[in-house]
Amino acid sequence: MTMTDDAQARIDAVVKNNAVVLFMKGTPLFPQCGFSSRAVAILERLGVDFESVDVLQDQAVRQGIKAYSDWPTIPQLYVGGEFVGGSDIMMEMYEAGELAELFQNAGAAAK
């Protein structure tokens, strides 16, 4: 198993074992970029329990998540094992009320 395969397997496990996962730069308490900060703020505003993965702690995951989703930027949100998008998409969906609905449908509604 190569480092890339290992990272893909770890990413896959996190995505499949958590209702809501945010791959981000930094942590929810200390986001390391504005986009990650905005993504965390949206999730917190919706009161959703979520798992976070700090891609800055693991270069293989940082590169691997981009291949996993075929999406070039971080943060990345996964709900119910499905890729949702980055902070721009999250913001659009939040403002349209679609994000709250998505969490409810995935059984990851507000705490």
N, C-alpha and C. Protein backbone atom coordinates (compact mmCIF):
# COMPACT_ATOMS: atom_id res chain seq x y z
N MET A 1 0.85 -1.20 0.00
CA MET A 1 0.00 0.00 0.00
C MET A 1 0.89 1.25 0.00
N THR A 2 0.67 2.11 -0.95
CA THR A 2 1.48 3.33 -1.01
C THR A 2 0.94 4.35 -0.03
N MET A 3 1.71 5.42 0.16
CA MET A 3 1.28 6.49 1.06
C MET A 3 -0.04 7.08 0.56
N THR A 4 -0.18 7.20 -0.76
CA THR A 4 -1.40 7.77 -1.33
C THR A 4 -2.59 6.86 -1.05
N ASP A 5 -2.40 5.54 -1.25
CA ASP A 5 -3.48 4.58 -0.97
C ASP A 5 -3.87 4.64 0.49
N ASP A 6 -2.86 4.73 1.37
CA ASP A 6 -3.11 4.81 2.80
C ASP A 6 -3.92 6.05 3.14
N ALA A 7 -3.55 7.19 2.56
CA ALA A 7 -4.29 8.43 2.80
C ALA A 7 -5.72 8.30 2.29
N GLN A 8 -5.89 7.71 1.12
CA GLN A 8 -7.23 7.53 0.55
C GLN A 8 -8.08 6.63 1.47
N ALA A 9 -7.47 5.59 2.00
CA ALA A 9 -8.18 4.68 2.90
C ALA A 9 -8.58 5.39 4.18
N ARG A 10 -7.67 6.22 4.73
CA ARG A 10 -7.99 6.96 5.95
C ARG A 10 -9.09 8.00 5.69
N ILE A 11 -8.99 8.70 4.56
CA ILE A 11 -10.01 9.68 4.20
C ILE A 11 -11.36 8.99 4.07
N ASP A 12 -11.37 7.88 3.35
CA ASP A 12 -12.60 7.12 3.11
C ASP A 12 -13.23 6.69 4.42
N ALA A 13 -12.40 6.21 5.36
CA ALA A 13 -12.91 5.76 6.66
C ALA A 13 -13.55 6.92 7.43
N VAL A 14 -12.90 8.08 7.44
CA VAL A 14 -13.44 9.24 8.16
C VAL A 14 -14.76 9.68 7.52
N VAL A 15 -14.79 9.75 6.20
CA VAL A 15 -16.00 10.18 5.49
C VAL A 15 -17.16 9.22 5.75
N LYS A 16 -16.88 7.92 5.73
CA LYS A 16 -17.96 6.93 5.88
C LYS A 16 -18.41 6.72 7.33
N ASN A 17 -17.52 7.04 8.29
CA ASN A 17 -17.85 6.79 9.69
C ASN A 17 -18.37 7.99 10.45
N ASN A 18 -18.54 9.12 9.76
CA ASN A 18 -19.05 10.33 10.40
C ASN A 18 -20.14 10.94 9.53
N ALA A 19 -21.23 11.36 10.16
CA ALA A 19 -22.34 11.94 9.40
C ALA A 19 -21.91 13.23 8.70
N VAL A 20 -21.10 14.04 9.39
CA VAL A 20 -20.65 15.31 8.83
C VAL A 20 -19.15 15.45 9.08
N VAL A 21 -18.39 15.66 8.02
CA VAL A 21 -16.94 15.82 8.12
C VAL A 21 -16.53 17.07 7.35
N LEU A 22 -15.70 17.87 8.01
CA LEU A 22 -15.11 19.04 7.34
C LEU A 22 -13.60 18.85 7.30
N PHE A 23 -13.07 18.71 6.08
CA PHE A 23 -11.62 18.72 5.89
C PHE A 23 -11.25 20.18 5.76
N MET A 24 -10.38 20.65 6.65
CA MET A 24 -10.11 22.08 6.74
C MET A 24 -8.65 22.35 7.05
N LYS A 25 -8.27 23.60 6.94
CA LYS A 25 -6.93 24.04 7.35
C LYS A 25 -7.07 24.57 8.77
N GLY A 26 -6.43 23.86 9.70
CA GLY A 26 -6.52 24.23 11.11
C GLY A 26 -7.61 23.41 11.79
N THR A 27 -8.06 23.93 12.93
CA THR A 27 -9.08 23.25 13.73
C THR A 27 -10.28 24.18 13.89
N PRO A 28 -11.42 23.65 14.32
CA PRO A 28 -12.58 24.54 14.52
C PRO A 28 -12.27 25.70 15.47
N LEU A 29 -11.45 25.46 16.49
CA LEU A 29 -11.09 26.54 17.41
C LEU A 29 -10.09 27.52 16.81
N PHE A 30 -9.20 27.00 15.97
CA PHE A 30 -8.15 27.83 15.37
C PHE A 30 -8.04 27.58 13.87
N PRO A 31 -9.05 28.02 13.09
CA PRO A 31 -8.96 27.83 11.64
C PRO A 31 -7.75 28.60 11.09
N GLN A 32 -7.08 28.01 10.10
CA GLN A 32 -5.86 28.62 9.56
C GLN A 32 -6.09 29.32 8.23
N CYS A 33 -7.34 29.45 7.79
CA CYS A 33 -7.62 30.24 6.59
C CYS A 33 -9.05 30.76 6.68
N GLY A 34 -9.31 31.82 5.97
CA GLY A 34 -10.63 32.45 6.02
C GLY A 34 -11.75 31.53 5.55
N PHE A 35 -11.46 30.71 4.53
CA PHE A 35 -12.49 29.81 4.01
C PHE A 35 -12.85 28.75 5.03
N SER A 36 -11.84 28.20 5.70
CA SER A 36 -12.10 27.21 6.75
C SER A 36 -12.86 27.85 7.90
N SER A 37 -12.49 29.07 8.24
CA SER A 37 -13.16 29.80 9.31
C SER A 37 -14.64 29.99 8.97
N ARG A 38 -14.91 30.36 7.72
CA ARG A 38 -16.30 30.57 7.31
C ARG A 38 -17.08 29.26 7.33
N ALA A 39 -16.46 28.17 6.89
CA ALA A 39 -17.12 26.87 6.88
C ALA A 39 -17.50 26.46 8.30
N VAL A 40 -16.57 26.63 9.24
CA VAL A 40 -16.83 26.30 10.65
C VAL A 40 -17.97 27.17 11.18
N ALA A 41 -17.94 28.46 10.86
CA ALA A 41 -18.98 29.38 11.34
C ALA A 41 -20.36 28.95 10.85
N ILE A 42 -20.46 28.51 9.61
CA ILE A 42 -21.75 28.06 9.07
C ILE A 42 -22.23 26.82 9.82
N LEU A 43 -21.34 25.85 10.02
CA LEU A 43 -21.72 24.62 10.73
C LEU A 43 -22.14 24.93 12.16
N GLU A 44 -21.39 25.83 12.81
CA GLU A 44 -21.72 26.19 14.19
C GLU A 44 -23.04 26.95 14.25
N ARG A 45 -23.29 27.82 13.28
CA ARG A 45 -24.55 28.56 13.24
C ARG A 45 -25.73 27.60 13.10
N LEU A 46 -25.52 26.52 12.34
CA LEU A 46 -26.58 25.52 12.16
C LEU A 46 -26.63 24.55 13.34
N GLY A 47 -25.63 24.63 14.24
CA GLY A 47 -25.62 23.77 15.42
C GLY A 47 -25.39 22.30 15.10
N VAL A 48 -24.61 22.04 14.07
CA VAL A 48 -24.38 20.66 13.63
C VAL A 48 -23.13 20.09 14.30
N ASP A 49 -23.25 18.87 14.79
CA ASP A 49 -22.08 18.14 15.28
C ASP A 49 -21.28 17.70 14.06
N PHE A 50 -20.00 17.98 14.05
CA PHE A 50 -19.20 17.56 12.90
C PHE A 50 -17.81 17.14 13.33
N GLU A 51 -17.25 16.25 12.54
CA GLU A 51 -15.87 15.82 12.70
C GLU A 51 -15.03 16.75 11.82
N SER A 52 -13.86 17.15 12.31
CA SER A 52 -12.99 17.97 11.46
C SER A 52 -11.65 17.26 11.30
N VAL A 53 -11.04 17.46 10.14
CA VAL A 53 -9.73 16.91 9.85
C VAL A 53 -8.85 18.08 9.42
N ASP A 54 -7.76 18.29 10.16
CA ASP A 54 -6.82 19.36 9.86
C ASP A 54 -5.83 18.86 8.81
N VAL A 55 -6.01 19.30 7.56
CA VAL A 55 -5.15 18.82 6.48
C VAL A 55 -3.71 19.33 6.61
N LEU A 56 -3.51 20.37 7.41
CA LEU A 56 -2.15 20.90 7.58
C LEU A 56 -1.28 19.95 8.40
N GLN A 57 -1.92 19.02 9.12
CA GLN A 57 -1.17 18.08 9.95
C GLN A 57 -0.66 16.88 9.16
N ASP A 58 -1.17 16.70 7.94
CA ASP A 58 -0.83 15.50 7.18
C ASP A 58 -0.83 15.82 5.69
N GLN A 59 0.36 15.92 5.11
CA GLN A 59 0.51 16.28 3.70
C GLN A 59 -0.18 15.26 2.79
N ALA A 60 -0.14 13.98 3.14
CA ALA A 60 -0.78 12.95 2.30
C ALA A 60 -2.29 13.15 2.26
N VAL A 61 -2.87 13.51 3.40
CA VAL A 61 -4.31 13.77 3.44
C VAL A 61 -4.61 15.07 2.70
N ARG A 62 -3.75 16.06 2.87
CA ARG A 62 -3.97 17.35 2.20
C ARG A 62 -4.05 17.17 0.69
N GLN A 63 -3.16 16.38 0.13
CA GLN A 63 -3.20 16.11 -1.31
C GLN A 63 -4.27 15.07 -1.64
N GLY A 64 -4.39 14.08 -0.78
CA GLY A 64 -5.33 12.97 -1.03
C GLY A 64 -6.78 13.40 -1.08
N ILE A 65 -7.16 14.37 -0.26
CA ILE A 65 -8.56 14.79 -0.22
C ILE A 65 -8.95 15.45 -1.54
N LYS A 66 -8.01 16.11 -2.19
CA LYS A 66 -8.30 16.76 -3.47
C LYS A 66 -8.57 15.71 -4.55
N ALA A 67 -7.82 14.61 -4.50
CA ALA A 67 -8.05 13.51 -5.45
C ALA A 67 -9.33 12.76 -5.10
N TYR A 68 -9.56 12.59 -3.81
CA TYR A 68 -10.73 11.84 -3.33
C TYR A 68 -12.02 12.47 -3.84
N SER A 69 -12.10 13.79 -3.78
CA SER A 69 -13.32 14.49 -4.16
C SER A 69 -13.27 15.01 -5.59
N ASP A 70 -12.07 15.00 -6.19
CA ASP A 70 -11.85 15.65 -7.48
C ASP A 70 -12.21 17.13 -7.38
N TRP A 71 -11.84 17.72 -6.24
CA TRP A 71 -12.13 19.13 -5.96
C TRP A 71 -10.82 19.76 -5.52
N PRO A 72 -10.42 20.90 -6.12
CA PRO A 72 -9.05 21.39 -5.92
C PRO A 72 -8.79 22.17 -4.63
N THR A 73 -9.84 22.56 -3.92
CA THR A 73 -9.62 23.45 -2.78
C THR A 73 -10.08 22.84 -1.47
N ILE A 74 -9.60 23.44 -0.39
CA ILE A 74 -9.95 23.07 0.98
C ILE A 74 -10.46 24.34 1.63
N PRO A 75 -11.50 24.33 2.41
CA PRO A 75 -12.17 23.19 3.04
C PRO A 75 -13.08 22.41 2.10
N GLN A 76 -13.40 21.19 2.55
CA GLN A 76 -14.34 20.34 1.86
C GLN A 76 -15.30 19.75 2.89
N LEU A 77 -16.58 19.81 2.58
CA LEU A 77 -17.61 19.29 3.47
C LEU A 77 -18.20 18.01 2.89
N TYR A 78 -18.33 17.00 3.77
CA TYR A 78 -18.98 15.74 3.42
C TYR A 78 -20.13 15.53 4.37
N VAL A 79 -21.27 15.15 3.81
CA VAL A 79 -22.46 14.86 4.62
C VAL A 79 -23.01 13.51 4.17
N GLY A 80 -23.18 12.60 5.13
CA GLY A 80 -23.69 11.28 4.79
C GLY A 80 -22.84 10.55 3.77
N GLY A 81 -21.52 10.76 3.84
CA GLY A 81 -20.61 10.08 2.93
C GLY A 81 -20.50 10.72 1.56
N GLU A 82 -21.24 11.80 1.32
CA GLU A 82 -21.23 12.46 0.02
C GLU A 82 -20.51 13.80 0.09
N PHE A 83 -19.74 14.10 -0.95
CA PHE A 83 -19.07 15.40 -1.04
C PHE A 83 -20.10 16.47 -1.32
N VAL A 84 -20.10 17.53 -0.53
CA VAL A 84 -21.03 18.64 -0.72
C VAL A 84 -20.35 19.78 -1.46
N GLY A 85 -19.20 20.23 -0.97
CA GLY A 85 -18.48 21.32 -1.63
C GLY A 85 -17.60 22.05 -0.65
N GLY A 86 -17.11 23.20 -1.11
CA GLY A 86 -16.26 24.06 -0.30
C GLY A 86 -17.06 25.15 0.37
N SER A 87 -16.37 26.15 0.89
CA SER A 87 -17.06 27.18 1.68
C SER A 87 -18.01 28.03 0.84
N ASP A 88 -17.70 28.28 -0.44
CA ASP A 88 -18.60 29.07 -1.28
C ASP A 88 -19.93 28.34 -1.48
N ILE A 89 -19.84 27.06 -1.80
CA ILE A 89 -21.04 26.25 -1.98
C ILE A 89 -21.81 26.15 -0.67
N MET A 90 -21.09 25.96 0.43
CA MET A 90 -21.73 25.90 1.75
C MET A 90 -22.50 27.19 2.03
N MET A 91 -21.89 28.33 1.71
CA MET A 91 -22.52 29.62 1.96
C MET A 91 -23.80 29.77 1.13
N GLU A 92 -23.71 29.42 -0.15
CA GLU A 92 -24.88 29.51 -1.03
C GLU A 92 -26.00 28.61 -0.50
N MET A 93 -25.65 27.37 -0.14
CA MET A 93 -26.65 26.43 0.35
C MET A 93 -27.22 26.88 1.70
N TYR A 94 -26.37 27.44 2.54
CA TYR A 94 -26.82 27.94 3.84
C TYR A 94 -27.83 29.06 3.65
N GLU A 95 -27.50 30.01 2.79
CA GLU A 95 -28.37 31.16 2.56
C GLU A 95 -29.70 30.74 1.93
N ALA A 96 -29.68 29.67 1.14
CA ALA A 96 -30.89 29.18 0.47
C ALA A 96 -31.70 28.24 1.38
N GLY A 97 -31.14 27.91 2.56
CA GLY A 97 -31.81 26.99 3.47
C GLY A 97 -31.61 25.52 3.11
N GLU A 98 -30.80 25.28 2.07
CA GLU A 98 -30.59 23.91 1.60
C GLU A 98 -29.66 23.11 2.51
N LEU A 99 -28.73 23.79 3.16
CA LEU A 99 -27.76 23.10 4.00
C LEU A 99 -28.44 22.51 5.23
N ALA A 100 -29.30 23.28 5.88
CA ALA A 100 -30.03 22.77 7.04
C ALA A 100 -30.87 21.56 6.66
N GLU A 101 -31.49 21.62 5.49
CA GLU A 101 -32.31 20.52 4.99
C GLU A 101 -31.45 19.28 4.73
N LEU A 102 -30.28 19.50 4.14
CA LEU A 102 -29.35 18.40 3.86
C LEU A 102 -28.96 17.70 5.16
N PHE A 103 -28.65 18.48 6.20
CA PHE A 103 -28.28 17.89 7.49
C PHE A 103 -29.43 17.10 8.08
N GLN A 104 -30.64 17.63 8.00
CA GLN A 104 -31.82 16.93 8.52
C GLN A 104 -32.01 15.61 7.80
N ASN A 105 -31.91 15.64 6.47
CA ASN A 105 -32.10 14.43 5.67
C ASN A 105 -31.03 13.37 5.96
N ALA A 106 -29.84 13.83 6.34
CA ALA A 106 -28.73 12.90 6.62
C ALA A 106 -28.75 12.46 8.10
N GLY A 107 -29.75 12.93 8.84
CA GLY A 107 -29.81 12.59 10.26
C GLY A 107 -28.73 13.27 11.07
N ALA A 108 -28.27 14.42 10.57
CA ALA A 108 -27.21 15.17 11.26
C ALA A 108 -27.72 16.55 11.63
N ALA A 109 -29.00 16.62 11.95
CA ALA A 109 -29.63 17.91 12.23
C ALA A 109 -29.04 18.52 13.51
N ALA A 110 -29.45 19.73 13.75
CA ALA A 110 -28.93 20.52 14.86
C ALA A 110 -28.98 19.77 16.18
N LYS A 111 -27.97 20.07 17.01
CA LYS A 111 -27.85 19.46 18.34
C LYS A 111 -29.03 19.86 19.20
